Every structure is written in structure tokens, then in C-alpha cells.
Amino acid sequence: MAAPSPKVPERPVKAGRERVGEVPPDQAVPPDLETLAASLQVCRRCDLWRDATQGVAGEGSSRAALMIVGEQPGDREDRQGRPFVGPAGLLLDRAMAEAGVGRDRTFVTNAVKHFKHEPRGKRRLHKTPDRGEVQACRWWLDAERRLVKPRVILALGATAVLAVFGKAAPIGKTRGQRQALAGEAVGLVSWHPSFMLRMPDPDAKARAYAELVDDLRLAWKLAA
């Protein structure tokens, strides 16, 4: 018999209630990633679900040693219900291949599980989640982490850094530095692929991409 879906609270978690890497004591962790993904579809921890097509859970190996955390689903991820399948995902796939990281041996997810956007004609433009939305959604990220038990977590972009480490940090100054997380995991930070897609300077874009490849290579080495 399948385990019952966990009760999802109707109110967001208050900032500062838990330490990074811990689940609220009043909510049980889903028994597996499939149940977590199903439970996410009825999440009401913040208001982002109202304008999103669906919640987008992480995917990949359930025992991955490396977890890669992005910021939030984009337009294509929101429609398909899968993380990193849009232009930024294609760039990440390329960087992972260059770094020797097998995507099928990792777990990729996002800090925020619903697409935050604003309409602009027929387009839906990305909006950065605020701190409260990141905090409210952190329960899901922590639950994924509890289930997968990665040895290394690579946070891509400022929103992911906030979700993983519980505080903001300048990526340019902290990338390449190992940081301890709860549960004996190692945390690293790097640039989000979408950051490169927005860069008009080809040389700056190439440098950021090379640094992302280096950070993926280091994360994979530490996870081995």
C-alpha cells in the first residue's frame, strides 16, 4: 500500500524557524521522491502556485552524490514540469559534459519550485523570488536533500545560494570555496547558466562559463 501524502501546511514557514538543512518538526518528510513530487502540486506555502502551471520538483538519481540547485523553473520548465530543460538547462548540460559530470548520476532541482513571472504580451518574463518565497519553499529543497543524501551541493545563482546556505553571498568571491552544511555535506557556489545567457559581453560570458565548468569539475571530484 502506498504511503499517504504528507499534509501540506497552508501558511509559509516563518524566517529563522529552522537551521539550514533541517525540516520543520511539525511536518514529516515524504517517504520518496515520487511522493514529494506529487505533494508539491498541492503546496500552498506561498502564493507563487497561483500563477504557475505546476510545481517543478527535482529529478535525477535518488542516491546522487552531487545535487545541483538552480534558482526557479523558467517558462519551459513550468510547462513541462521538469527542471533545467530550457535554454539555461541546455547550457548546463553542455557545461556538465565538458566537466565530465553525468547528469543521470546527479540530482538537479531548484530553490523555488514554482515559476515566478510577469506577463509581457504573449511572453512570461522571469521575476526573481523574494526572500520570503525562498524561505517558504526551502522545506521542499531540504526534503529532497534528506531523501537523496548528497555529499556535495552546488548552488547556482544568488537565489540558490540563499536557499542552500540561509544567507546571501557574493558568487564571484565565494565560488571555489568549500563550505560546511548540516549533515556533513559540502556546499559550493557558482554562476547560474541564465546569468551567462543575459551577458552581452562575449569575453565575460566565456569567463563565466569556464568558471562554471571548473566549479562543476570540483564538485564532481569532491562527490566521488
C-alpha atoms as a PDB file:
ATOM      1  CA  MET A   1       0.000   0.000   0.000  1.00  0.00           C
ATOM      2  CA  ALA A   2       1.361   3.420  -0.940  1.00  0.00           C
ATOM      3  CA  ALA A   3       2.229   5.764   1.904  1.00  0.00           C
ATOM      4  CA  PRO A   4      -0.267   8.652   2.363  1.00  0.00           C
ATOM      5  CA  SER A   5       0.780  12.038   1.045  1.00  0.00           C
ATOM      6  CA  PRO A   6       2.023  14.343   3.798  1.00  0.00           C
ATOM      7  CA  LYS A   7      -0.183  17.179   4.939  1.00  0.00           C
ATOM      8  CA  VAL A   8       0.961  20.450   3.423  1.00  0.00           C
ATOM      9  CA  PRO A   9       0.524  23.478   5.696  1.00  0.00           C
ATOM     10  CA  GLU A  10      -1.467  26.438   4.370  1.00  0.00           C
ATOM     11  CA  ARG A  11       0.904  29.073   5.714  1.00  0.00           C
ATOM     12  CA  PRO A  12       4.554  29.740   4.898  1.00  0.00           C
ATOM     13  CA  VAL A  13       7.268  28.876   7.349  1.00  0.00           C
ATOM     14  CA  LYS A  14       8.490  31.866   9.328  1.00  0.00           C
ATOM     15  CA  ALA A  15      12.004  33.008   8.552  1.00  0.00           C
ATOM     16  CA  GLY A  16      14.576  31.745  11.009  1.00  0.00           C
ATOM     17  CA  ARG A  17      12.463  28.897  12.323  1.00  0.00           C
ATOM     18  CA  GLU A  18      14.852  26.130  11.304  1.00  0.00           C
ATOM     19  CA  ARG A  19      18.537  25.849  10.631  1.00  0.00           C
ATOM     20  CA  VAL A  20      19.616  25.264   7.058  1.00  0.00           C
ATOM     21  CA  GLY A  21      19.321  21.565   6.256  1.00  0.00           C
ATOM     22  CA  GLU A  22      16.585  20.846   8.794  1.00  0.00           C
ATOM     23  CA  VAL A  23      12.903  20.038   8.236  1.00  0.00           C
ATOM     24  CA  PRO A  24      10.199  21.685  10.388  1.00  0.00           C
ATOM     25  CA  PRO A  25       9.350  19.376  13.301  1.00  0.00           C
ATOM     26  CA  ASP A  26       5.594  19.543  12.556  1.00  0.00           C
ATOM     27  CA  GLN A  27       5.822  18.053   9.046  1.00  0.00           C
ATOM     28  CA  ALA A  28       7.055  14.621   8.029  1.00  0.00           C
ATOM     29  CA  VAL A  29       9.440  14.165   5.134  1.00  0.00           C
ATOM     30  CA  PRO A  30       7.759  12.368   2.196  1.00  0.00           C
ATOM     31  CA  PRO A  31       8.865   8.723   2.026  1.00  0.00           C
ATOM     32  CA  ASP A  32      10.262   9.011  -1.505  1.00  0.00           C
ATOM     33  CA  LEU A  33      10.858  11.466  -4.345  1.00  0.00           C
ATOM     34  CA  GLU A  34       7.714  10.392  -6.207  1.00  0.00           C
ATOM     35  CA  THR A  35       5.506  11.216  -3.232  1.00  0.00           C
ATOM     36  CA  LEU A  36       7.337  14.506  -2.779  1.00  0.00           C
ATOM     37  CA  ALA A  37       6.699  15.496  -6.407  1.00  0.00           C
ATOM     38  CA  ALA A  38       3.001  14.655  -6.087  1.00  0.00           C
ATOM     39  CA  SER A  39       2.676  16.526  -2.787  1.00  0.00           C
ATOM     40  CA  LEU A  40       4.316  19.585  -4.320  1.00  0.00           C
ATOM     41  CA  GLN A  41       1.338  20.016  -6.632  1.00  0.00           C
ATOM     42  CA  VAL A  42      -0.877  20.990  -3.694  1.00  0.00           C
ATOM     43  CA  CYS A  43       1.707  23.207  -1.989  1.00  0.00           C
ATOM     44  CA  ARG A  44       0.308  26.481  -0.644  1.00  0.00           C
ATOM     45  CA  ARG A  45       3.307  27.604   1.407  1.00  0.00           C
ATOM     46  CA  CYS A  46       3.480  30.837  -0.612  1.00  0.00           C
ATOM     47  CA  ASP A  47       1.391  32.430  -3.380  1.00  0.00           C
ATOM     48  CA  LEU A  48       3.554  31.528  -6.364  1.00  0.00           C
ATOM     49  CA  TRP A  49       1.410  28.474  -7.138  1.00  0.00           C
ATOM     50  CA  ARG A  50      -1.451  30.752  -8.197  1.00  0.00           C
ATOM     51  CA  ASP A  51       0.142  31.835 -11.492  1.00  0.00           C
ATOM     52  CA  ALA A  52       2.266  28.774 -12.212  1.00  0.00           C
ATOM     53  CA  THR A  53       1.233  25.840 -14.371  1.00  0.00           C
ATOM     54  CA  GLN A  54       2.564  23.334 -11.854  1.00  0.00           C
ATOM     55  CA  GLY A  55       5.194  22.769  -9.213  1.00  0.00           C
ATOM     56  CA  VAL A  56       8.513  21.513 -10.573  1.00  0.00           C
ATOM     57  CA  ALA A  57      10.315  19.013  -8.364  1.00  0.00           C
ATOM     58  CA  GLY A  58      13.898  17.921  -8.806  1.00  0.00           C
ATOM     59  CA  GLU A  59      14.896  14.902 -10.860  1.00  0.00           C
ATOM     60  CA  GLY A  60      17.804  12.545 -11.233  1.00  0.00           C
ATOM     61  CA  SER A  61      19.419   9.785  -9.253  1.00  0.00           C
ATOM     62  CA  SER A  62      17.785   9.167  -5.884  1.00  0.00           C
ATOM     63  CA  ARG A  63      21.221   8.396  -4.455  1.00  0.00           C
ATOM     64  CA  ALA A  64      23.217  11.076  -6.246  1.00  0.00           C
ATOM     65  CA  ALA A  65      26.391  12.181  -4.528  1.00  0.00           C
ATOM     66  CA  LEU A  66      26.079  15.589  -6.218  1.00  0.00           C
ATOM     67  CA  MET A  67      22.989  17.803  -6.016  1.00  0.00           C
ATOM     68  CA  ILE A  68      22.831  20.858  -8.282  1.00  0.00           C
ATOM     69  CA  VAL A  69      20.436  23.576  -7.146  1.00  0.00           C
ATOM     70  CA  GLY A  70      19.225  26.275  -9.523  1.00  0.00           C
ATOM     71  CA  GLU A  71      17.031  29.266  -8.766  1.00  0.00           C
ATOM     72  CA  GLN A  72      13.499  28.563 -10.061  1.00  0.00           C
ATOM     73  CA  PRO A  73      11.724  26.981 -13.035  1.00  0.00           C
ATOM     74  CA  GLY A  74      11.599  29.024 -16.219  1.00  0.00           C
ATOM     75  CA  ASP A  75       8.812  29.187 -18.763  1.00  0.00           C
ATOM     76  CA  ARG A  76       9.663  25.871 -20.407  1.00  0.00           C
ATOM     77  CA  GLU A  77      10.250  24.102 -17.073  1.00  0.00           C
ATOM     78  CA  ASP A  78       6.894  25.375 -15.834  1.00  0.00           C
ATOM     79  CA  ARG A  79       5.110  23.958 -18.884  1.00  0.00           C
ATOM     80  CA  GLN A  80       6.956  20.629 -18.962  1.00  0.00           C
ATOM     81  CA  GLY A  81       7.182  20.069 -15.208  1.00  0.00           C
ATOM     82  CA  ARG A  82      10.919  19.271 -15.324  1.00  0.00           C
ATOM     83  CA  PRO A  83      13.936  21.277 -14.104  1.00  0.00           C
ATOM     84  CA  PHE A  84      16.631  22.654 -16.434  1.00  0.00           C
ATOM     85  CA  VAL A  85      15.014  21.820 -19.795  1.00  0.00           C
ATOM     86  CA  GLY A  86      15.055  25.347 -21.242  1.00  0.00           C
ATOM     87  CA  PRO A  87      17.949  27.385 -22.691  1.00  0.00           C
ATOM     88  CA  ALA A  88      19.734  27.572 -19.314  1.00  0.00           C
ATOM     89  CA  GLY A  89      19.358  23.819 -18.957  1.00  0.00           C
ATOM     90  CA  LEU A  90      20.934  23.201 -22.339  1.00  0.00           C
ATOM     91  CA  LEU A  91      23.885  25.371 -21.345  1.00  0.00           C
ATOM     92  CA  LEU A  92      24.176  23.496 -18.047  1.00  0.00           C
ATOM     93  CA  ASP A  93      24.129  20.161 -19.901  1.00  0.00           C
ATOM     94  CA  ARG A  94      26.975  21.391 -22.095  1.00  0.00           C
ATOM     95  CA  ALA A  95      29.000  22.562 -19.098  1.00  0.00           C
ATOM     96  CA  MET A  96      28.389  19.292 -17.252  1.00  0.00           C
ATOM     97  CA  ALA A  97      29.520  17.268 -20.259  1.00  0.00           C
ATOM     98  CA  GLU A  98      32.670  19.370 -20.553  1.00  0.00           C
ATOM     99  CA  ALA A  99      33.369  18.885 -16.832  1.00  0.00           C
ATOM    100  CA  GLY A 100      32.831  15.122 -17.077  1.00  0.00           C
ATOM    101  CA  VAL A 101      29.698  15.208 -14.914  1.00  0.00           C
ATOM    102  CA  GLY A 102      26.956  12.754 -15.901  1.00  0.00           C
ATOM    103  CA  ARG A 103      23.551  14.371 -15.454  1.00  0.00           C
ATOM    104  CA  ASP A 104      21.964  10.950 -14.959  1.00  0.00           C
ATOM    105  CA  ARG A 105      24.259  10.482 -11.948  1.00  0.00           C
ATOM    106  CA  THR A 106      23.324  13.786 -10.306  1.00  0.00           C
ATOM    107  CA  PHE A 107      20.152  15.284  -8.854  1.00  0.00           C
ATOM    108  CA  VAL A 108      19.109  18.643 -10.313  1.00  0.00           C
ATOM    109  CA  THR A 109      16.498  20.844  -8.681  1.00  0.00           C
ATOM    110  CA  ASN A 110      15.597  24.456  -7.899  1.00  0.00           C
ATOM    111  CA  ALA A 111      15.459  26.542  -4.747  1.00  0.00           C
ATOM    112  CA  VAL A 112      11.927  27.688  -5.598  1.00  0.00           C
ATOM    113  CA  LYS A 113       9.558  25.166  -7.161  1.00  0.00           C
ATOM    114  CA  HIS A 114       7.035  27.457  -8.903  1.00  0.00           C
ATOM    115  CA  PHE A 115       7.704  29.845 -11.786  1.00  0.00           C
ATOM    116  CA  LYS A 116       7.543  33.489 -10.698  1.00  0.00           C
ATOM    117  CA  HIS A 117       6.866  35.727 -13.663  1.00  0.00           C
ATOM    118  CA  GLU A 118       5.018  38.697 -15.064  1.00  0.00           C
ATOM    119  CA  PRO A 119       3.140  38.779 -18.391  1.00  0.00           C
ATOM    120  CA  ARG A 120       4.588  40.880 -21.201  1.00  0.00           C
ATOM    121  CA  GLY A 121       2.357  40.463 -24.213  1.00  0.00           C
ATOM    122  CA  LYS A 122       2.369  36.758 -25.031  1.00  0.00           C
ATOM    123  CA  ARG A 123       5.585  36.208 -23.078  1.00  0.00           C
ATOM    124  CA  ARG A 124       6.044  35.415 -19.387  1.00  0.00           C
ATOM    125  CA  LEU A 125       9.111  37.188 -18.053  1.00  0.00           C
ATOM    126  CA  HIS A 126      11.117  35.789 -15.155  1.00  0.00           C
ATOM    127  CA  LYS A 127      10.926  37.622 -11.821  1.00  0.00           C
ATOM    128  CA  THR A 128      13.366  36.928  -9.013  1.00  0.00           C
ATOM    129  CA  PRO A 129      11.765  35.244  -5.966  1.00  0.00           C
ATOM    130  CA  ASP A 130      11.953  37.324  -2.807  1.00  0.00           C
ATOM    131  CA  ARG A 131      13.462  36.172   0.478  1.00  0.00           C
ATOM    132  CA  GLY A 132      10.095  35.152   1.929  1.00  0.00           C
ATOM    133  CA  GLU A 133       9.299  32.962  -1.076  1.00  0.00           C
ATOM    134  CA  VAL A 134      12.720  31.340  -0.903  1.00  0.00           C
ATOM    135  CA  GLN A 135      12.254  30.692   2.814  1.00  0.00           C
ATOM    136  CA  ALA A 136       8.761  29.255   2.342  1.00  0.00           C
ATOM    137  CA  CYS A 137       9.971  26.884  -0.383  1.00  0.00           C
ATOM    138  CA  ARG A 138      13.108  25.780   1.436  1.00  0.00           C
ATOM    139  CA  TRP A 139      11.189  22.972   3.106  1.00  0.00           C
ATOM    140  CA  TRP A 140      10.933  21.167  -0.246  1.00  0.00           C
ATOM    141  CA  LEU A 141      14.619  21.588  -1.005  1.00  0.00           C
ATOM    142  CA  ASP A 142      15.551  20.305   2.440  1.00  0.00           C
ATOM    143  CA  ALA A 143      13.189  17.341   1.989  1.00  0.00           C
ATOM    144  CA  GLU A 144      14.838  16.483  -1.339  1.00  0.00           C
ATOM    145  CA  ARG A 145      18.183  16.689   0.349  1.00  0.00           C
ATOM    146  CA  ARG A 146      17.073  14.388   3.168  1.00  0.00           C
ATOM    147  CA  LEU A 147      15.915  11.797   0.631  1.00  0.00           C
ATOM    148  CA  VAL A 148      18.866  11.977  -1.774  1.00  0.00           C
ATOM    149  CA  LYS A 149      21.597  12.492   0.856  1.00  0.00           C
ATOM    150  CA  PRO A 150      24.134  14.151  -1.475  1.00  0.00           C
ATOM    151  CA  ARG A 151      27.718  14.595  -0.330  1.00  0.00           C
ATOM    152  CA  VAL A 152      28.091  17.840  -2.296  1.00  0.00           C
ATOM    153  CA  ILE A 153      25.562  20.575  -3.098  1.00  0.00           C
ATOM    154  CA  LEU A 154      26.388  23.085  -5.838  1.00  0.00           C
ATOM    155  CA  ALA A 155      24.240  26.227  -5.663  1.00  0.00           C
ATOM    156  CA  LEU A 156      23.873  28.094  -8.954  1.00  0.00           C
ATOM    157  CA  GLY A 157      22.926  31.754  -8.644  1.00  0.00           C
ATOM    158  CA  ALA A 158      22.005  34.102  -5.810  1.00  0.00           C
ATOM    159  CA  THR A 159      18.576  32.592  -5.079  1.00  0.00           C
ATOM    160  CA  ALA A 160      20.061  29.106  -4.782  1.00  0.00           C
ATOM    161  CA  VAL A 161      22.844  30.409  -2.539  1.00  0.00           C
ATOM    162  CA  LEU A 162      20.259  31.963  -0.224  1.00  0.00           C
ATOM    163  CA  ALA A 163      18.240  28.747  -0.095  1.00  0.00           C
ATOM    164  CA  VAL A 164      21.170  26.384   0.457  1.00  0.00           C
ATOM    165  CA  PHE A 165      23.211  28.458   2.907  1.00  0.00           C
ATOM    166  CA  GLY A 166      20.490  30.572   4.530  1.00  0.00           C
ATOM    167  CA  LYS A 167      22.226  33.840   3.670  1.00  0.00           C
ATOM    168  CA  ALA A 168      23.346  35.839   0.670  1.00  0.00           C
ATOM    169  CA  ALA A 169      26.938  35.594  -0.546  1.00  0.00           C
ATOM    170  CA  PRO A 170      28.830  37.175  -3.466  1.00  0.00           C
ATOM    171  CA  ILE A 171      29.335  34.402  -6.003  1.00  0.00           C
ATOM    172  CA  GLY A 172      32.443  35.926  -7.545  1.00  0.00           C
ATOM    173  CA  LYS A 173      34.222  35.964  -4.181  1.00  0.00           C
ATOM    174  CA  THR A 174      32.993  32.646  -2.785  1.00  0.00           C
ATOM    175  CA  ARG A 175      32.999  30.280  -5.762  1.00  0.00           C
ATOM    176  CA  GLY A 176      35.583  27.536  -5.403  1.00  0.00           C
ATOM    177  CA  GLN A 177      35.407  27.687  -1.605  1.00  0.00           C
ATOM    178  CA  ARG A 178      34.142  24.636   0.257  1.00  0.00           C
ATOM    179  CA  GLN A 179      31.512  25.414   2.881  1.00  0.00           C
ATOM    180  CA  ALA A 180      30.197  23.024   5.517  1.00  0.00           C
ATOM    181  CA  LEU A 181      26.480  22.253   5.594  1.00  0.00           C
ATOM    182  CA  ALA A 182      24.358  20.340   8.082  1.00  0.00           C
ATOM    183  CA  GLY A 183      24.666  16.594   7.738  1.00  0.00           C
ATOM    184  CA  GLU A 184      28.364  16.686   6.810  1.00  0.00           C
ATOM    185  CA  ALA A 185      27.658  17.786   3.228  1.00  0.00           C
ATOM    186  CA  VAL A 186      29.938  20.196   1.386  1.00  0.00           C
ATOM    187  CA  GLY A 187      28.474  23.284  -0.256  1.00  0.00           C
ATOM    188  CA  LEU A 188      29.847  25.142  -3.290  1.00  0.00           C
ATOM    189  CA  VAL A 189      28.544  28.084  -5.310  1.00  0.00           C
ATOM    190  CA  SER A 190      28.771  29.075  -8.957  1.00  0.00           C
ATOM    191  CA  TRP A 191      27.111  31.138 -11.649  1.00  0.00           C
ATOM    192  CA  HIS A 192      23.668  30.208 -12.937  1.00  0.00           C
ATOM    193  CA  PRO A 193      23.648  29.453 -16.685  1.00  0.00           C
ATOM    194  CA  SER A 194      20.872  32.018 -17.237  1.00  0.00           C
ATOM    195  CA  PHE A 195      23.289  34.696 -15.993  1.00  0.00           C
ATOM    196  CA  MET A 196      25.543  33.936 -18.949  1.00  0.00           C
ATOM    197  CA  LEU A 197      22.655  33.982 -21.391  1.00  0.00           C
ATOM    198  CA  ARG A 198      21.938  37.566 -20.375  1.00  0.00           C
ATOM    199  CA  MET A 199      25.539  38.766 -20.671  1.00  0.00           C
ATOM    200  CA  PRO A 200      26.170  40.985 -23.725  1.00  0.00           C
ATOM    201  CA  ASP A 201      29.968  40.830 -23.451  1.00  0.00           C
ATOM    202  CA  PRO A 202      31.257  37.654 -25.186  1.00  0.00           C
ATOM    203  CA  ASP A 203      34.518  37.654 -23.239  1.00  0.00           C
ATOM    204  CA  ALA A 204      32.761  37.991 -19.875  1.00  0.00           C
ATOM    205  CA  LYS A 205      30.324  35.257 -20.904  1.00  0.00           C
ATOM    206  CA  ALA A 206      33.194  32.941 -21.838  1.00  0.00           C
ATOM    207  CA  ARG A 207      34.928  33.565 -18.494  1.00  0.00           C
ATOM    208  CA  ALA A 208      31.768  32.871 -16.516  1.00  0.00           C
ATOM    209  CA  TYR A 209      31.150  29.682 -18.485  1.00  0.00           C
ATOM    210  CA  ALA A 210      34.726  28.482 -17.905  1.00  0.00           C
ATOM    211  CA  GLU A 211      34.317  29.140 -14.179  1.00  0.00           C
ATOM    212  CA  LEU A 212      31.055  27.167 -14.134  1.00  0.00           C
ATOM    213  CA  VAL A 213      32.828  24.230 -15.787  1.00  0.00           C
ATOM    214  CA  ASP A 214      35.646  24.465 -13.220  1.00  0.00           C
ATOM    215  CA  ASP A 215      33.134  24.535 -10.355  1.00  0.00           C
ATOM    216  CA  LEU A 216      31.256  21.533 -11.740  1.00  0.00           C
ATOM    217  CA  ARG A 217      34.530  19.658 -12.093  1.00  0.00           C
ATOM    218  CA  LEU A 218      35.462  20.439  -8.471  1.00  0.00           C
ATOM    219  CA  ALA A 219      32.022  19.468  -7.185  1.00  0.00           C
ATOM    220  CA  TRP A 220      32.179  16.153  -9.056  1.00  0.00           C
ATOM    221  CA  LYS A 221      35.643  15.431  -7.681  1.00  0.00           C
ATOM    222  CA  LEU A 222      34.545  16.126  -4.101  1.00  0.00           C
ATOM    223  CA  ALA A 223      31.434  13.988  -4.548  1.00  0.00           C
ATOM    224  CA  ALA A 224      33.405  10.962  -5.811  1.00  0.00           C
END
